[in-house]
Amino acid sequence: MERFRWQDGSKLDAQARSTDSSGMSSLVVAYSEFVANFCRLLLCMVLCLQRSAWNLESVG
């Protein structure tokens, strides 16, 4: 968690490159954030599709 305190991006990159474990952890964090955003988007799409399907059923 220490490398996240640094404001300097070059230091952050150097630390991430020097140790594989920190690089992997940052990759995992980025991947988990991507998956969370993707799931949220998917859920919104499913809800919108369900709502439109319900509207079509109620109209028909």
C-alpha atoms as a PDB file:
ATOM      1  CA  MET A   1       0.000   0.000   0.000  1.00  0.00           C
ATOM      2  CA  GLU A   2       2.991   2.318   0.423  1.00  0.00           C
ATOM      3  CA  ARG A   3       3.470   2.941  -3.280  1.00  0.00           C
ATOM      4  CA  PHE A   4      -0.046   4.392  -3.516  1.00  0.00           C
ATOM      5  CA  ARG A   5       0.971   7.201  -1.135  1.00  0.00           C
ATOM      6  CA  TRP A   6       3.515   8.566  -3.587  1.00  0.00           C
ATOM      7  CA  GLN A   7       2.321  11.387  -5.825  1.00  0.00           C
ATOM      8  CA  ASP A   8       5.178  10.869  -8.293  1.00  0.00           C
ATOM      9  CA  GLY A   9       4.142   8.562 -11.139  1.00  0.00           C
ATOM     10  CA  SER A  10       7.714   7.635 -12.107  1.00  0.00           C
ATOM     11  CA  LYS A  11       8.437   6.315  -8.606  1.00  0.00           C
ATOM     12  CA  LEU A  12       5.240   4.284  -8.777  1.00  0.00           C
ATOM     13  CA  ASP A  13       6.235   2.766 -12.126  1.00  0.00           C
ATOM     14  CA  ALA A  14       9.772   2.024 -10.933  1.00  0.00           C
ATOM     15  CA  GLN A  15       8.492   0.235  -7.850  1.00  0.00           C
ATOM     16  CA  ALA A  16       5.923  -1.716  -9.870  1.00  0.00           C
ATOM     17  CA  ARG A  17       8.616  -2.817 -12.345  1.00  0.00           C
ATOM     18  CA  SER A  18      11.180  -3.733  -9.699  1.00  0.00           C
ATOM     19  CA  THR A  19       8.940  -6.107  -7.746  1.00  0.00           C
ATOM     20  CA  ASP A  20       6.732  -8.588  -9.568  1.00  0.00           C
ATOM     21  CA  SER A  21       4.393  -8.997  -6.606  1.00  0.00           C
ATOM     22  CA  SER A  22       3.432  -5.310  -6.482  1.00  0.00           C
ATOM     23  CA  GLY A  23       3.062  -5.251 -10.259  1.00  0.00           C
ATOM     24  CA  MET A  24       0.783  -8.279 -10.094  1.00  0.00           C
ATOM     25  CA  SER A  25      -1.252  -6.753  -7.274  1.00  0.00           C
ATOM     26  CA  SER A  26      -1.790  -3.538  -9.240  1.00  0.00           C
ATOM     27  CA  LEU A  27      -2.806  -5.629 -12.252  1.00  0.00           C
ATOM     28  CA  VAL A  28      -5.242  -7.573 -10.090  1.00  0.00           C
ATOM     29  CA  VAL A  29      -6.693  -4.333  -8.708  1.00  0.00           C
ATOM     30  CA  ALA A  30      -7.129  -2.918 -12.217  1.00  0.00           C
ATOM     31  CA  TYR A  31      -8.663  -6.192 -13.426  1.00  0.00           C
ATOM     32  CA  SER A  32     -11.086  -6.403 -10.507  1.00  0.00           C
ATOM     33  CA  GLU A  33     -12.163  -2.795 -11.094  1.00  0.00           C
ATOM     34  CA  PHE A  34     -12.720  -3.587 -14.774  1.00  0.00           C
ATOM     35  CA  VAL A  35     -14.761  -6.681 -13.896  1.00  0.00           C
ATOM     36  CA  ALA A  36     -16.841  -4.727 -11.372  1.00  0.00           C
ATOM     37  CA  ASN A  37     -17.568  -1.997 -13.930  1.00  0.00           C
ATOM     38  CA  PHE A  38     -18.375  -4.586 -16.584  1.00  0.00           C
ATOM     39  CA  CYS A  39     -20.776  -6.428 -14.273  1.00  0.00           C
ATOM     40  CA  ARG A  40     -22.454  -3.158 -13.329  1.00  0.00           C
ATOM     41  CA  LEU A  41     -22.885  -2.267 -17.010  1.00  0.00           C
ATOM     42  CA  LEU A  42     -24.206  -5.752 -17.769  1.00  0.00           C
ATOM     43  CA  LEU A  43     -26.674  -5.533 -14.895  1.00  0.00           C
ATOM     44  CA  CYS A  44     -27.920  -2.149 -16.112  1.00  0.00           C
ATOM     45  CA  MET A  45     -28.352  -3.522 -19.621  1.00  0.00           C
ATOM     46  CA  VAL A  46     -30.270  -6.545 -18.346  1.00  0.00           C
ATOM     47  CA  LEU A  47     -32.511  -4.360 -16.205  1.00  0.00           C
ATOM     48  CA  CYS A  48     -33.199  -2.026 -19.136  1.00  0.00           C
ATOM     49  CA  LEU A  49     -33.990  -4.971 -21.419  1.00  0.00           C
ATOM     50  CA  GLN A  50     -36.313  -6.487 -18.816  1.00  0.00           C
ATOM     51  CA  ARG A  51     -38.058  -3.173 -18.324  1.00  0.00           C
ATOM     52  CA  SER A  52     -38.554  -2.713 -22.067  1.00  0.00           C
ATOM     53  CA  ALA A  53     -39.810  -6.306 -22.338  1.00  0.00           C
ATOM     54  CA  TRP A  54     -42.292  -5.692 -19.517  1.00  0.00           C
ATOM     55  CA  ASN A  55     -43.432  -2.495 -21.256  1.00  0.00           C
ATOM     56  CA  LEU A  56     -43.990  -4.416 -24.490  1.00  0.00           C
ATOM     57  CA  GLU A  57     -45.941  -7.110 -22.640  1.00  0.00           C
ATOM     58  CA  SER A  58     -48.115  -4.549 -20.851  1.00  0.00           C
ATOM     59  CA  VAL A  59     -48.799  -2.722 -24.131  1.00  0.00           C
ATOM     60  CA  GLY A  60     -49.495  -5.945 -26.017  1.00  0.00           C
END
